[in-house]
Amino acid sequence: MPKQSPLKQLHRIARAEFTEEDGWILPLYFGDSLQEYLTVRSQVGILDLCNRGLLRFTGPDRVS
């Protein structure tokens, strides 16, 4: 059974289309590719790389 990202529910809410890669279910895209591009260029984007490792944020300015 493939592993799932801890962010899968958030991706689903954002209407992601999923694919299986190296034993993981990951978001492939979120609809209109031009709109995705424009959103990332004008706002922010996050790339879900949970299948590649773990990030740990520390320090007084991190979000709890």
PDB file of N, CA and C in Angstrom:
ATOM      1  N   MET A   1       0.840  -1.181   0.000  1.00  0.00           N
ATOM      2  CA  MET A   1       0.000   0.000   0.000  1.00  0.00           C
ATOM      3  C   MET A   1       0.885   1.244   0.000  1.00  0.00           C
ATOM      4  N   PRO A   2       0.619   2.209  -0.881  1.00  0.00           N
ATOM      5  CA  PRO A   2       1.465   3.406  -0.949  1.00  0.00           C
ATOM      6  C   PRO A   2       1.325   4.288   0.293  1.00  0.00           C
ATOM      7  N   LYS A   3       2.397   4.979   0.615  1.00  0.00           N
ATOM      8  CA  LYS A   3       2.386   5.933   1.727  1.00  0.00           C
ATOM      9  C   LYS A   3       1.690   7.208   1.265  1.00  0.00           C
ATOM     10  N   GLN A   4       1.159   7.958   2.240  1.00  0.00           N
ATOM     11  CA  GLN A   4       0.464   9.201   1.926  1.00  0.00           C
ATOM     12  C   GLN A   4       1.116  10.368   2.646  1.00  0.00           C
ATOM     13  N   SER A   5       1.139  11.498   1.985  1.00  0.00           N
ATOM     14  CA  SER A   5       1.671  12.716   2.574  1.00  0.00           C
ATOM     15  C   SER A   5       0.818  13.135   3.764  1.00  0.00           C
ATOM     16  N   PRO A   6       1.443  13.665   4.815  1.00  0.00           N
ATOM     17  CA  PRO A   6       0.666  14.215   5.921  1.00  0.00           C
ATOM     18  C   PRO A   6      -0.181  15.413   5.480  1.00  0.00           C
ATOM     19  N   LEU A   7       0.138  15.971   4.324  1.00  0.00           N
ATOM     20  CA  LEU A   7      -0.602  17.119   3.796  1.00  0.00           C
ATOM     21  C   LEU A   7      -1.695  16.718   2.812  1.00  0.00           C
ATOM     22  N   LYS A   8      -1.951  15.424   2.664  1.00  0.00           N
ATOM     23  CA  LYS A   8      -2.883  14.968   1.629  1.00  0.00           C
ATOM     24  C   LYS A   8      -4.260  15.606   1.762  1.00  0.00           C
ATOM     25  N   GLN A   9      -4.773  15.729   2.965  1.00  0.00           N
ATOM     26  CA  GLN A   9      -6.103  16.325   3.134  1.00  0.00           C
ATOM     27  C   GLN A   9      -6.109  17.779   2.672  1.00  0.00           C
ATOM     28  N   LEU A  10      -5.051  18.521   2.959  1.00  0.00           N
ATOM     29  CA  LEU A  10      -4.967  19.908   2.478  1.00  0.00           C
ATOM     30  C   LEU A  10      -4.888  19.948   0.957  1.00  0.00           C
ATOM     31  N   HIS A  11      -4.128  19.036   0.373  1.00  0.00           N
ATOM     32  CA  HIS A  11      -4.050  18.963  -1.082  1.00  0.00           C
ATOM     33  C   HIS A  11      -5.422  18.636  -1.671  1.00  0.00           C
ATOM     34  N   ARG A  12      -6.133  17.733  -1.027  1.00  0.00           N
ATOM     35  CA  ARG A  12      -7.466  17.350  -1.509  1.00  0.00           C
ATOM     36  C   ARG A  12      -8.418  18.545  -1.460  1.00  0.00           C
ATOM     37  N   ILE A  13      -8.368  19.315  -0.375  1.00  0.00           N
ATOM     38  CA  ILE A  13      -9.203  20.517  -0.253  1.00  0.00           C
ATOM     39  C   ILE A  13      -8.884  21.496  -1.377  1.00  0.00           C
ATOM     40  N   ALA A  14      -7.603  21.566  -1.756  1.00  0.00           N
ATOM     41  CA  ALA A  14      -7.176  22.455  -2.849  1.00  0.00           C
ATOM     42  C   ALA A  14      -7.424  21.838  -4.227  1.00  0.00           C
ATOM     43  N   ARG A  15      -8.110  20.694  -4.261  1.00  0.00           N
ATOM     44  CA  ARG A  15      -8.507  20.011  -5.501  1.00  0.00           C
ATOM     45  C   ARG A  15      -7.328  19.492  -6.316  1.00  0.00           C
ATOM     46  N   ALA A  16      -6.370  18.936  -5.629  1.00  0.00           N
ATOM     47  CA  ALA A  16      -5.204  18.364  -6.309  1.00  0.00           C
ATOM     48  C   ALA A  16      -5.588  17.095  -7.055  1.00  0.00           C
ATOM     49  N   GLU A  17      -4.881  16.855  -8.133  1.00  0.00           N
ATOM     50  CA  GLU A  17      -4.892  15.558  -8.805  1.00  0.00           C
ATOM     51  C   GLU A  17      -3.649  14.837  -8.307  1.00  0.00           C
ATOM     52  N   PHE A  18      -3.784  13.558  -7.984  1.00  0.00           N
ATOM     53  CA  PHE A  18      -2.698  12.817  -7.362  1.00  0.00           C
ATOM     54  C   PHE A  18      -2.077  11.809  -8.321  1.00  0.00           C
ATOM     55  N   THR A  19      -0.834  11.456  -8.004  1.00  0.00           N
ATOM     56  CA  THR A  19      -0.125  10.414  -8.727  1.00  0.00           C
ATOM     57  C   THR A  19       0.659   9.582  -7.715  1.00  0.00           C
ATOM     58  N   GLU A  20       1.024   8.397  -8.107  1.00  0.00           N
ATOM     59  CA  GLU A  20       1.875   7.570  -7.250  1.00  0.00           C
ATOM     60  C   GLU A  20       3.299   7.658  -7.766  1.00  0.00           C
ATOM     61  N   GLU A  21       4.219   7.949  -6.847  1.00  0.00           N
ATOM     62  CA  GLU A  21       5.633   8.071  -7.206  1.00  0.00           C
ATOM     63  C   GLU A  21       6.472   7.402  -6.131  1.00  0.00           C
ATOM     64  N   ASP A  22       7.241   6.409  -6.516  1.00  0.00           N
ATOM     65  CA  ASP A  22       8.149   5.711  -5.590  1.00  0.00           C
ATOM     66  C   ASP A  22       7.451   5.245  -4.316  1.00  0.00           C
ATOM     67  N   GLY A  23       6.239   4.747  -4.453  1.00  0.00           N
ATOM     68  CA  GLY A  23       5.517   4.224  -3.305  1.00  0.00           C
ATOM     69  C   GLY A  23       4.791   5.264  -2.476  1.00  0.00           C
ATOM     70  N   TRP A  24       4.661   6.478  -2.992  1.00  0.00           N
ATOM     71  CA  TRP A  24       3.967   7.560  -2.298  1.00  0.00           C
ATOM     72  C   TRP A  24       2.838   8.089  -3.180  1.00  0.00           C
ATOM     73  N   ILE A  25       1.730   8.493  -2.557  1.00  0.00           N
ATOM     74  CA  ILE A  25       0.663   9.213  -3.247  1.00  0.00           C
ATOM     75  C   ILE A  25       0.944  10.698  -3.030  1.00  0.00           C
ATOM     76  N   LEU A  26       1.199  11.422  -4.129  1.00  0.00           N
ATOM     77  CA  LEU A  26       1.589  12.831  -4.057  1.00  0.00           C
ATOM     78  C   LEU A  26       0.755  13.664  -5.021  1.00  0.00           C
ATOM     79  N   PRO A  27       0.613  14.977  -4.728  1.00  0.00           N
ATOM     80  CA  PRO A  27      -0.122  15.833  -5.652  1.00  0.00           C
ATOM     81  C   PRO A  27       0.660  15.999  -6.953  1.00  0.00           C
ATOM     82  N   LEU A  28      -0.066  15.964  -8.053  1.00  0.00           N
ATOM     83  CA  LEU A  28       0.543  16.137  -9.366  1.00  0.00           C
ATOM     84  C   LEU A  28       0.341  17.561  -9.858  1.00  0.00           C
ATOM     85  N   TYR A  29      -0.889  18.032  -9.731  1.00  0.00           N
ATOM     86  CA  TYR A  29      -1.205  19.412 -10.101  1.00  0.00           C
ATOM     87  C   TYR A  29      -2.514  19.812  -9.440  1.00  0.00           C
ATOM     88  N   PHE A  30      -2.822  21.106  -9.502  1.00  0.00           N
ATOM     89  CA  PHE A  30      -3.990  21.664  -8.821  1.00  0.00           C
ATOM     90  C   PHE A  30      -4.924  22.374  -9.796  1.00  0.00           C
ATOM     91  N   GLY A  31      -5.072  21.831 -10.976  1.00  0.00           N
ATOM     92  CA  GLY A  31      -5.990  22.442 -11.935  1.00  0.00           C
ATOM     93  C   GLY A  31      -5.244  23.143 -13.049  1.00  0.00           C
ATOM     94  N   ASP A  32      -5.665  24.350 -13.339  1.00  0.00           N
ATOM     95  CA  ASP A  32      -5.119  25.136 -14.441  1.00  0.00           C
ATOM     96  C   ASP A  32      -3.644  25.471 -14.197  1.00  0.00           C
ATOM     97  N   SER A  33      -2.774  24.983 -15.059  1.00  0.00           N
ATOM     98  CA  SER A  33      -1.334  25.176 -14.851  1.00  0.00           C
ATOM     99  C   SER A  33      -0.926  26.640 -14.944  1.00  0.00           C
ATOM    100  N   LEU A  34      -1.563  27.416 -15.804  1.00  0.00           N
ATOM    101  CA  LEU A  34      -1.240  28.843 -15.892  1.00  0.00           C
ATOM    102  C   LEU A  34      -1.610  29.540 -14.587  1.00  0.00           C
ATOM    103  N   GLN A  35      -2.767  29.221 -14.040  1.00  0.00           N
ATOM    104  CA  GLN A  35      -3.174  29.832 -12.772  1.00  0.00           C
ATOM    105  C   GLN A  35      -2.234  29.424 -11.642  1.00  0.00           C
ATOM    106  N   GLU A  36      -1.802  28.180 -11.629  1.00  0.00           N
ATOM    107  CA  GLU A  36      -0.812  27.733 -10.634  1.00  0.00           C
ATOM    108  C   GLU A  36       0.455  28.578 -10.736  1.00  0.00           C
ATOM    109  N   TYR A  37       0.944  28.730 -11.954  1.00  0.00           N
ATOM    110  CA  TYR A  37       2.164  29.499 -12.199  1.00  0.00           C
ATOM    111  C   TYR A  37       1.999  30.937 -11.713  1.00  0.00           C
ATOM    112  N   LEU A  38       0.899  31.581 -12.089  1.00  0.00           N
ATOM    113  CA  LEU A  38       0.673  32.979 -11.709  1.00  0.00           C
ATOM    114  C   LEU A  38       0.538  33.126 -10.192  1.00  0.00           C
ATOM    115  N   THR A  39      -0.100  32.175  -9.560  1.00  0.00           N
ATOM    116  CA  THR A  39      -0.245  32.220  -8.101  1.00  0.00           C
ATOM    117  C   THR A  39       1.113  32.118  -7.418  1.00  0.00           C
ATOM    118  N   VAL A  40       1.937  31.183  -7.862  1.00  0.00           N
ATOM    119  CA  VAL A  40       3.268  31.021  -7.263  1.00  0.00           C
ATOM    120  C   VAL A  40       4.127  32.254  -7.511  1.00  0.00           C
ATOM    121  N   ARG A  41       4.012  32.850  -8.685  1.00  0.00           N
ATOM    122  CA  ARG A  41       4.811  34.044  -8.997  1.00  0.00           C
ATOM    123  C   ARG A  41       4.373  35.260  -8.184  1.00  0.00           C
ATOM    124  N   SER A  42       3.074  35.378  -7.897  1.00  0.00           N
ATOM    125  CA  SER A  42       2.578  36.577  -7.226  1.00  0.00           C
ATOM    126  C   SER A  42       2.363  36.385  -5.721  1.00  0.00           C
ATOM    127  N   GLN A  43       2.311  35.137  -5.267  1.00  0.00           N
ATOM    128  CA  GLN A  43       2.054  34.877  -3.849  1.00  0.00           C
ATOM    129  C   GLN A  43       3.111  33.922  -3.307  1.00  0.00           C
ATOM    130  N   VAL A  44       2.736  32.700  -3.079  1.00  0.00           N
ATOM    131  CA  VAL A  44       3.674  31.718  -2.535  1.00  0.00           C
ATOM    132  C   VAL A  44       3.235  30.318  -2.954  1.00  0.00           C
ATOM    133  N   GLY A  45       4.190  29.413  -2.999  1.00  0.00           N
ATOM    134  CA  GLY A  45       3.889  28.017  -3.291  1.00  0.00           C
ATOM    135  C   GLY A  45       4.710  27.124  -2.382  1.00  0.00           C
ATOM    136  N   ILE A  46       4.179  25.951  -2.124  1.00  0.00           N
ATOM    137  CA  ILE A  46       4.875  24.969  -1.298  1.00  0.00           C
ATOM    138  C   ILE A  46       4.958  23.678  -2.086  1.00  0.00           C
ATOM    139  N   LEU A  47       6.125  23.110  -2.141  1.00  0.00           N
ATOM    140  CA  LEU A  47       6.332  21.843  -2.830  1.00  0.00           C
ATOM    141  C   LEU A  47       6.382  20.734  -1.788  1.00  0.00           C
ATOM    142  N   ASP A  48       5.479  19.788  -1.897  1.00  0.00           N
ATOM    143  CA  ASP A  48       5.409  18.681  -0.940  1.00  0.00           C
ATOM    144  C   ASP A  48       6.444  17.628  -1.326  1.00  0.00           C
ATOM    145  N   LEU A  49       7.523  17.583  -0.571  1.00  0.00           N
ATOM    146  CA  LEU A  49       8.590  16.608  -0.807  1.00  0.00           C
ATOM    147  C   LEU A  49       8.703  15.647   0.371  1.00  0.00           C
ATOM    148  N   CYS A  50       7.570  15.300   0.957  1.00  0.00           N
ATOM    149  CA  CYS A  50       7.585  14.430   2.137  1.00  0.00           C
ATOM    150  C   CYS A  50       8.221  13.084   1.839  1.00  0.00           C
ATOM    151  N   ASN A  51       8.220  12.696   0.586  1.00  0.00           N
ATOM    152  CA  ASN A  51       8.811  11.412   0.215  1.00  0.00           C
ATOM    153  C   ASN A  51      10.337  11.458   0.189  1.00  0.00           C
ATOM    154  N   ARG A  52      10.918  12.618   0.388  1.00  0.00           N
ATOM    155  CA  ARG A  52      12.376  12.758   0.294  1.00  0.00           C
ATOM    156  C   ARG A  52      13.065  13.016   1.621  1.00  0.00           C
ATOM    157  N   GLY A  53      12.312  13.266   2.666  1.00  0.00           N
ATOM    158  CA  GLY A  53      12.950  13.526   3.951  1.00  0.00           C
ATOM    159  C   GLY A  53      12.045  14.307   4.877  1.00  0.00           C
ATOM    160  N   LEU A  54      12.606  14.748   5.987  1.00  0.00           N
ATOM    161  CA  LEU A  54      11.848  15.440   7.012  1.00  0.00           C
ATOM    162  C   LEU A  54      12.520  16.771   7.306  1.00  0.00           C
ATOM    163  N   LEU A  55      11.719  17.830   7.359  1.00  0.00           N
ATOM    164  CA  LEU A  55      12.209  19.147   7.752  1.00  0.00           C
ATOM    165  C   LEU A  55      11.725  19.437   9.159  1.00  0.00           C
ATOM    166  N   ARG A  56      12.591  19.985   9.955  1.00  0.00           N
ATOM    167  CA  ARG A  56      12.218  20.367  11.310  1.00  0.00           C
ATOM    168  C   ARG A  56      12.555  21.844  11.473  1.00  0.00           C
ATOM    169  N   PHE A  57      11.540  22.643  11.789  1.00  0.00           N
ATOM    170  CA  PHE A  57      11.732  24.074  11.980  1.00  0.00           C
ATOM    171  C   PHE A  57      11.866  24.352  13.467  1.00  0.00           C
ATOM    172  N   THR A  58      12.925  25.087  13.831  1.00  0.00           N
ATOM    173  CA  THR A  58      13.152  25.432  15.227  1.00  0.00           C
ATOM    174  C   THR A  58      13.456  26.919  15.319  1.00  0.00           C
ATOM    175  N   GLY A  59      13.421  27.435  16.511  1.00  0.00           N
ATOM    176  CA  GLY A  59      13.758  28.829  16.722  1.00  0.00           C
ATOM    177  C   GLY A  59      12.557  29.625  17.194  1.00  0.00           C
ATOM    178  N   PRO A  60      12.808  30.801  17.736  1.00  0.00           N
ATOM    179  CA  PRO A  60      11.730  31.590  18.335  1.00  0.00           C
ATOM    180  C   PRO A  60      10.721  32.139  17.318  1.00  0.00           C
ATOM    181  N   ASP A  61      11.093  32.241  16.044  1.00  0.00           N
ATOM    182  CA  ASP A  61      10.178  32.826  15.057  1.00  0.00           C
ATOM    183  C   ASP A  61       9.397  31.783  14.266  1.00  0.00           C
ATOM    184  N   ARG A  62       9.494  30.519  14.629  1.00  0.00           N
ATOM    185  CA  ARG A  62       8.758  29.475  13.903  1.00  0.00           C
ATOM    186  C   ARG A  62       7.281  29.532  14.282  1.00  0.00           C
ATOM    187  N   VAL A  63       6.450  29.020  13.417  1.00  0.00           N
ATOM    188  CA  VAL A  63       5.022  28.927  13.699  1.00  0.00           C
ATOM    189  C   VAL A  63       4.772  27.625  14.433  1.00  0.00           C
ATOM    190  N   SER A  64       4.069  27.689  15.533  1.00  0.00           N
ATOM    191  CA  SER A  64       3.789  26.483  16.336  1.00  0.00           C
ATOM    192  C   SER A  64       2.746  25.615  15.676  1.00  0.00           C
TER     193      SER A  64
END
